[in-house]
Amino acid sequence: MSGVLRRFARARADAQRATRVPWLRVVARSGYIASGLLRLLIGVLALLLAAGLDDAPEVNAASAFGLLRAAPAGGVLVAIAAGANGALALWLVVQGVLYRPPALLERWRQRIVYWSRSAVYVVIGLIALRVAIGARQSSVDADRAAGRRLLEVPGGSVVLLLLGLTVLSIGVGMVWVAIVRRFVGTIHLPEAPWARRAVVVLGIVGYAVQGVTIAVVGGFLAVAAVTSDAARTGGLNDALVAVAGSGLGRGFLVVVAVGWAVAGAYALLRARLARLD
């Protein structure tokens, strides 16, 4: 057992040294740039949806990367975004391993946060990779079909319910982060008072709006599992359309669009301000 512990200690020391390599830090920060760009594009898609255009793209990550791919050298840009998300995911895994506060409960709580965020960036990176290589973008109809197949499998509704509750809890958690300003501890705030206030406001708005929309998606998935309604498994696009049609109208979509754009601006700033130690 002592040999295993020694090997683990050496691996941890190697990981700590790796996190101090300047170019690796640059690669990790590039993930926040890619994340910010994705959020900005989702804001644009939500705004197009609010405009009521018949040919408006679906509001999801694949459509956002599809917009980027349509730009000059877009395929290369999307491929870079895929790699940047993967690099940030790996960095977060390492950070979770290295995080060792005295309190055991706090250690594992924060590790779960690190690794959950890593999983999100892995998924985003895979979506970007599919778009970069020209794979068919997943549509809302495809998401519904997948949800329908899951509901038809024994125990599938339970899996979908757990997924919905997990997504809902992530959204609620992001709103809580905005309320208590927990994100401030993950960045180096600028020295100028006006700049500090601006960064904090961007963070609050970005986390809050993202949290609300993600919670709505989770709620729809949970309801789909309870009611066996595959029509509610279309993801973010379906959730936004349904909520907007429930009486909140296009104003809700505009708020979502602006909020995601603000979240994108904050993520771009975070690429410079994030604590990587």
Protein backbone atom coordinates (compact mmCIF):
# COMPACT_ATOMS: atom_id res chain seq x y z
CA MET A 1 0.00 0.00 0.00
CA SER A 2 2.85 2.38 0.80
CA GLY A 3 4.22 1.88 -2.74
CA VAL A 4 0.85 2.84 -4.22
CA LEU A 5 0.70 5.95 -2.04
CA ARG A 6 4.22 6.92 -3.08
CA ARG A 7 3.34 6.56 -6.76
CA PHE A 8 0.20 8.64 -6.23
CA ALA A 9 2.25 11.32 -4.45
CA ARG A 10 4.75 11.40 -7.32
CA ALA A 11 1.92 11.66 -9.87
CA ARG A 12 0.37 14.49 -7.89
CA ALA A 13 3.72 16.30 -7.71
CA ASP A 14 4.15 15.90 -11.48
CA ALA A 15 0.65 17.32 -12.02
CA GLN A 16 1.45 20.28 -9.79
CA ARG A 17 4.61 21.01 -11.80
CA ALA A 18 2.64 20.74 -15.03
CA THR A 19 0.14 23.37 -13.88
CA ARG A 20 3.00 25.85 -13.52
CA VAL A 21 4.10 25.52 -17.17
CA PRO A 22 3.22 28.86 -18.86
CA TRP A 23 2.09 27.47 -22.21
CA LEU A 24 -0.19 24.95 -20.51
CA ARG A 25 -1.86 27.82 -18.67
CA VAL A 26 -2.38 29.60 -22.00
CA VAL A 27 -3.99 26.47 -23.45
CA ALA A 28 -6.28 26.17 -20.42
CA ARG A 29 -7.31 29.82 -20.70
CA SER A 30 -8.14 29.28 -24.37
CA GLY A 31 -10.99 27.06 -23.19
CA TYR A 32 -12.65 30.07 -21.56
CA ILE A 33 -12.31 31.98 -24.84
CA ALA A 34 -14.05 29.14 -26.71
CA SER A 35 -16.69 29.00 -23.97
CA GLY A 36 -17.29 32.73 -24.22
CA LEU A 37 -17.65 32.54 -27.98
CA LEU A 38 -20.19 29.72 -27.66
CA ARG A 39 -22.27 31.72 -25.18
CA LEU A 40 -22.22 34.78 -27.43
CA LEU A 41 -23.44 32.68 -30.37
CA ILE A 42 -26.22 31.12 -28.28
CA GLY A 43 -27.28 34.66 -27.40
CA VAL A 44 -27.41 35.50 -31.11
CA LEU A 45 -29.49 32.37 -31.82
CA ALA A 46 -31.92 33.24 -29.04
CA LEU A 47 -32.26 36.74 -30.48
CA LEU A 48 -33.01 35.30 -33.94
CA LEU A 49 -35.65 33.09 -32.32
CA ALA A 50 -37.15 36.14 -30.63
CA ALA A 51 -37.31 37.90 -33.99
CA GLY A 52 -39.69 35.19 -35.18
CA LEU A 53 -37.74 34.31 -38.33
CA ASP A 54 -39.12 31.22 -40.06
CA ASP A 55 -35.66 29.96 -40.95
CA ALA A 56 -34.03 30.82 -37.60
CA PRO A 57 -31.50 28.15 -36.53
CA GLU A 58 -32.25 26.05 -33.47
CA VAL A 59 -30.89 27.37 -30.19
CA ASN A 60 -28.27 24.82 -29.17
CA ALA A 61 -24.51 24.33 -29.12
CA ALA A 62 -24.43 22.48 -32.46
CA SER A 63 -26.21 25.35 -34.24
CA ALA A 64 -23.90 27.87 -32.57
CA PHE A 65 -20.81 26.02 -33.80
CA GLY A 66 -22.55 25.69 -37.17
CA LEU A 67 -22.74 29.48 -37.41
CA LEU A 68 -19.03 29.69 -36.64
CA ARG A 69 -18.22 27.00 -39.22
CA ALA A 70 -20.01 29.03 -41.90
CA ALA A 71 -17.52 31.88 -41.42
CA PRO A 72 -14.27 32.04 -43.43
CA ALA A 73 -11.90 29.35 -42.10
CA GLY A 74 -14.78 28.41 -39.80
CA GLY A 75 -13.94 24.71 -39.81
CA VAL A 76 -10.50 25.48 -38.40
CA LEU A 77 -11.97 27.81 -35.80
CA VAL A 78 -14.47 25.17 -34.65
CA ALA A 79 -11.71 22.56 -34.49
CA ILE A 80 -9.65 24.93 -32.34
CA ALA A 81 -12.69 25.47 -30.12
CA ALA A 82 -13.03 21.69 -29.75
CA GLY A 83 -9.39 21.37 -28.70
CA ALA A 84 -9.66 24.34 -26.33
CA ASN A 85 -12.67 22.84 -24.58
CA GLY A 86 -10.85 19.53 -24.26
CA ALA A 87 -7.79 21.24 -22.82
CA LEU A 88 -9.88 23.10 -20.25
CA ALA A 89 -11.68 19.87 -19.33
CA LEU A 90 -8.34 18.14 -18.70
CA TRP A 91 -7.11 21.11 -16.67
CA LEU A 92 -10.21 20.96 -14.45
CA VAL A 93 -9.69 17.24 -13.86
CA VAL A 94 -6.13 17.93 -12.71
CA GLN A 95 -7.28 20.84 -10.55
CA GLY A 96 -9.79 18.55 -8.86
CA VAL A 97 -7.08 16.01 -8.09
CA LEU A 98 -4.77 18.69 -6.70
CA TYR A 99 -7.43 20.38 -4.55
CA ARG A 100 -6.70 19.31 -0.97
CA PRO A 101 -8.16 21.57 1.74
CA PRO A 102 -8.02 20.26 5.32
CA ALA A 103 -11.76 19.48 5.48
CA LEU A 104 -12.56 16.20 3.75
CA LEU A 105 -16.16 17.19 2.92
CA GLU A 106 -15.11 20.48 1.34
CA ARG A 107 -12.37 18.68 -0.60
CA TRP A 108 -14.76 16.27 -2.28
CA ARG A 109 -17.49 18.86 -2.74
CA GLN A 110 -15.14 21.07 -4.71
CA ARG A 111 -13.69 18.12 -6.58
CA ILE A 112 -17.17 17.15 -7.74
CA VAL A 113 -17.66 20.75 -8.94
CA TYR A 114 -14.37 20.65 -10.86
CA TRP A 115 -15.10 17.28 -12.44
CA SER A 116 -18.72 18.16 -13.28
CA ARG A 117 -17.54 21.27 -15.08
CA SER A 118 -14.94 19.14 -16.84
CA ALA A 119 -17.65 16.78 -18.08
CA VAL A 120 -19.61 19.74 -19.50
CA TYR A 121 -16.56 20.96 -21.44
CA VAL A 122 -15.96 17.43 -22.74
CA VAL A 123 -19.51 17.32 -24.13
CA ILE A 124 -19.15 20.78 -25.69
CA GLY A 125 -15.79 19.81 -27.17
CA LEU A 126 -17.28 16.67 -28.74
CA ILE A 127 -20.13 18.68 -30.24
CA ALA A 128 -17.62 21.15 -31.69
CA LEU A 129 -15.52 18.29 -33.06
CA ARG A 130 -18.54 16.77 -34.82
CA VAL A 131 -19.37 20.12 -36.41
CA ALA A 132 -15.73 20.69 -37.39
CA ILE A 133 -15.51 17.40 -39.31
CA GLY A 134 -18.81 18.08 -41.05
CA ALA A 135 -20.98 15.57 -39.21
CA ARG A 136 -24.71 16.16 -39.37
CA GLN A 137 -25.78 18.54 -36.64
CA SER A 138 -28.18 17.05 -34.12
CA SER A 139 -31.60 18.66 -34.46
CA VAL A 140 -34.44 19.12 -32.01
CA ASP A 141 -36.28 16.32 -33.81
CA ALA A 142 -33.31 14.01 -33.28
CA ASP A 143 -33.23 14.93 -29.58
CA ARG A 144 -36.93 14.16 -29.31
CA ALA A 145 -36.44 10.82 -31.06
CA ALA A 146 -33.66 9.96 -28.63
CA GLY A 147 -35.92 10.93 -25.74
CA ARG A 148 -38.74 8.81 -27.16
CA ARG A 149 -36.45 5.79 -27.46
CA LEU A 150 -35.26 6.30 -23.91
CA LEU A 151 -38.83 6.47 -22.61
CA GLU A 152 -39.63 3.20 -24.38
CA VAL A 153 -36.77 1.34 -22.66
CA PRO A 154 -37.50 -0.25 -19.25
CA GLY A 155 -36.21 2.13 -16.63
CA GLY A 156 -35.60 4.81 -19.26
CA SER A 157 -38.03 7.23 -17.65
CA VAL A 158 -36.06 6.96 -14.40
CA VAL A 159 -32.82 7.74 -16.24
CA LEU A 160 -34.46 10.72 -17.94
CA LEU A 161 -35.88 11.92 -14.63
CA LEU A 162 -32.45 11.72 -12.98
CA LEU A 163 -30.94 13.57 -15.93
CA GLY A 164 -33.59 16.27 -15.70
CA LEU A 165 -33.12 16.69 -11.96
CA THR A 166 -29.35 16.86 -12.43
CA VAL A 167 -29.67 19.57 -15.08
CA LEU A 168 -32.21 21.39 -12.90
CA SER A 169 -29.84 21.32 -9.92
CA ILE A 170 -27.00 22.65 -12.08
CA GLY A 171 -29.20 25.56 -13.16
CA VAL A 172 -30.30 26.31 -9.61
CA GLY A 173 -26.66 26.09 -8.51
CA MET A 174 -25.65 28.67 -11.11
CA VAL A 175 -28.36 31.03 -9.89
CA TRP A 176 -27.09 30.55 -6.34
CA VAL A 177 -23.54 31.31 -7.51
CA ALA A 178 -24.87 34.57 -8.95
CA ILE A 179 -26.76 35.47 -5.76
CA VAL A 180 -23.84 34.89 -3.37
CA ARG A 181 -21.23 36.00 -5.93
CA ARG A 182 -19.28 32.81 -5.39
CA PHE A 183 -17.60 33.21 -8.78
CA VAL A 184 -15.58 36.13 -7.42
CA GLY A 185 -13.31 33.66 -5.63
CA THR A 186 -12.35 32.01 -8.93
CA ILE A 187 -10.97 35.15 -10.61
CA HIS A 188 -8.48 37.93 -10.00
CA LEU A 189 -10.59 41.08 -9.87
CA PRO A 190 -9.16 44.22 -11.55
CA GLU A 191 -7.77 46.90 -9.26
CA ALA A 192 -9.82 49.79 -10.65
CA PRO A 193 -13.13 50.07 -8.73
CA TRP A 194 -15.22 50.63 -11.88
CA ALA A 195 -13.64 47.61 -13.57
CA ARG A 196 -14.25 45.44 -10.50
CA ARG A 197 -17.92 46.45 -10.43
CA ALA A 198 -18.29 45.83 -14.17
CA VAL A 199 -16.81 42.32 -13.93
CA VAL A 200 -19.00 41.45 -10.93
CA VAL A 201 -22.16 42.71 -12.67
CA LEU A 202 -21.32 40.74 -15.82
CA GLY A 203 -20.78 37.63 -13.71
CA ILE A 204 -24.04 38.03 -11.77
CA VAL A 205 -26.15 38.58 -14.90
CA GLY A 206 -24.42 35.84 -16.86
CA TYR A 207 -24.64 33.17 -14.17
CA ALA A 208 -28.23 34.09 -13.28
CA VAL A 209 -29.64 33.99 -16.83
CA GLN A 210 -27.72 30.84 -17.73
CA GLY A 211 -28.89 29.22 -14.52
CA VAL A 212 -32.54 30.04 -15.15
CA THR A 213 -32.50 28.73 -18.72
CA ILE A 214 -30.61 25.56 -17.77
CA ALA A 215 -33.04 24.99 -14.89
CA VAL A 216 -35.95 25.34 -17.33
CA VAL A 217 -34.40 22.69 -19.58
CA GLY A 218 -33.94 20.38 -16.60
CA GLY A 219 -37.52 20.96 -15.52
CA PHE A 220 -38.81 20.09 -18.98
CA LEU A 221 -36.79 16.86 -19.03
CA ALA A 222 -38.10 15.90 -15.58
CA VAL A 223 -41.70 16.60 -16.65
CA ALA A 224 -41.12 14.58 -19.83
CA ALA A 225 -39.98 11.64 -17.71
CA VAL A 226 -43.00 11.83 -15.38
CA THR A 227 -45.56 12.33 -18.17
CA SER A 228 -43.79 10.15 -20.81
CA ASP A 229 -43.99 13.13 -23.17
CA ALA A 230 -41.06 12.89 -25.60
CA ALA A 231 -42.05 16.25 -27.12
CA ARG A 232 -40.46 17.93 -24.10
CA THR A 233 -37.02 16.37 -24.67
CA GLY A 234 -35.92 18.73 -27.43
CA GLY A 235 -33.46 20.56 -25.21
CA LEU A 236 -32.84 24.30 -24.92
CA ASN A 237 -34.65 25.27 -28.12
CA ASP A 238 -37.92 23.52 -27.14
CA ALA A 239 -37.75 24.88 -23.59
CA LEU A 240 -37.32 28.47 -24.78
CA VAL A 241 -40.11 28.20 -27.33
CA ALA A 242 -42.49 26.67 -24.79
CA VAL A 243 -41.78 29.23 -22.07
CA ALA A 244 -42.01 32.13 -24.52
CA GLY A 245 -45.36 30.78 -25.73
CA SER A 246 -46.73 30.42 -22.22
CA GLY A 247 -47.37 34.12 -21.84
CA LEU A 248 -43.90 35.58 -21.27
CA GLY A 249 -43.59 36.19 -25.00
CA ARG A 250 -40.61 37.35 -27.02
CA GLY A 251 -39.47 39.65 -24.24
CA PHE A 252 -38.35 36.55 -22.34
CA LEU A 253 -36.30 35.42 -25.34
CA VAL A 254 -34.68 38.84 -25.60
CA VAL A 255 -33.71 38.71 -21.91
CA VAL A 256 -32.26 35.23 -22.44
CA ALA A 257 -30.36 36.41 -25.53
CA VAL A 258 -28.88 39.40 -23.73
CA GLY A 259 -28.07 37.29 -20.67
CA TRP A 260 -26.17 34.66 -22.67
CA ALA A 261 -24.31 37.39 -24.55
CA VAL A 262 -23.33 38.93 -21.20
CA ALA A 263 -22.24 35.47 -20.02
CA GLY A 264 -20.09 35.23 -23.13
CA ALA A 265 -18.48 38.58 -22.40
CA TYR A 266 -17.78 37.47 -18.83
CA ALA A 267 -16.24 34.19 -20.03
CA LEU A 268 -13.95 36.12 -22.39
CA LEU A 269 -12.85 38.29 -19.47
CA ARG A 270 -12.41 35.19 -17.35
CA ALA A 271 -9.88 33.88 -19.86
CA ARG A 272 -7.65 36.71 -18.61
CA LEU A 273 -8.77 36.86 -14.97
CA ALA A 274 -9.25 33.18 -14.02
CA ARG A 275 -7.25 31.79 -11.11
CA LEU A 276 -5.24 28.83 -12.37
CA ASP A 277 -3.29 28.13 -9.19
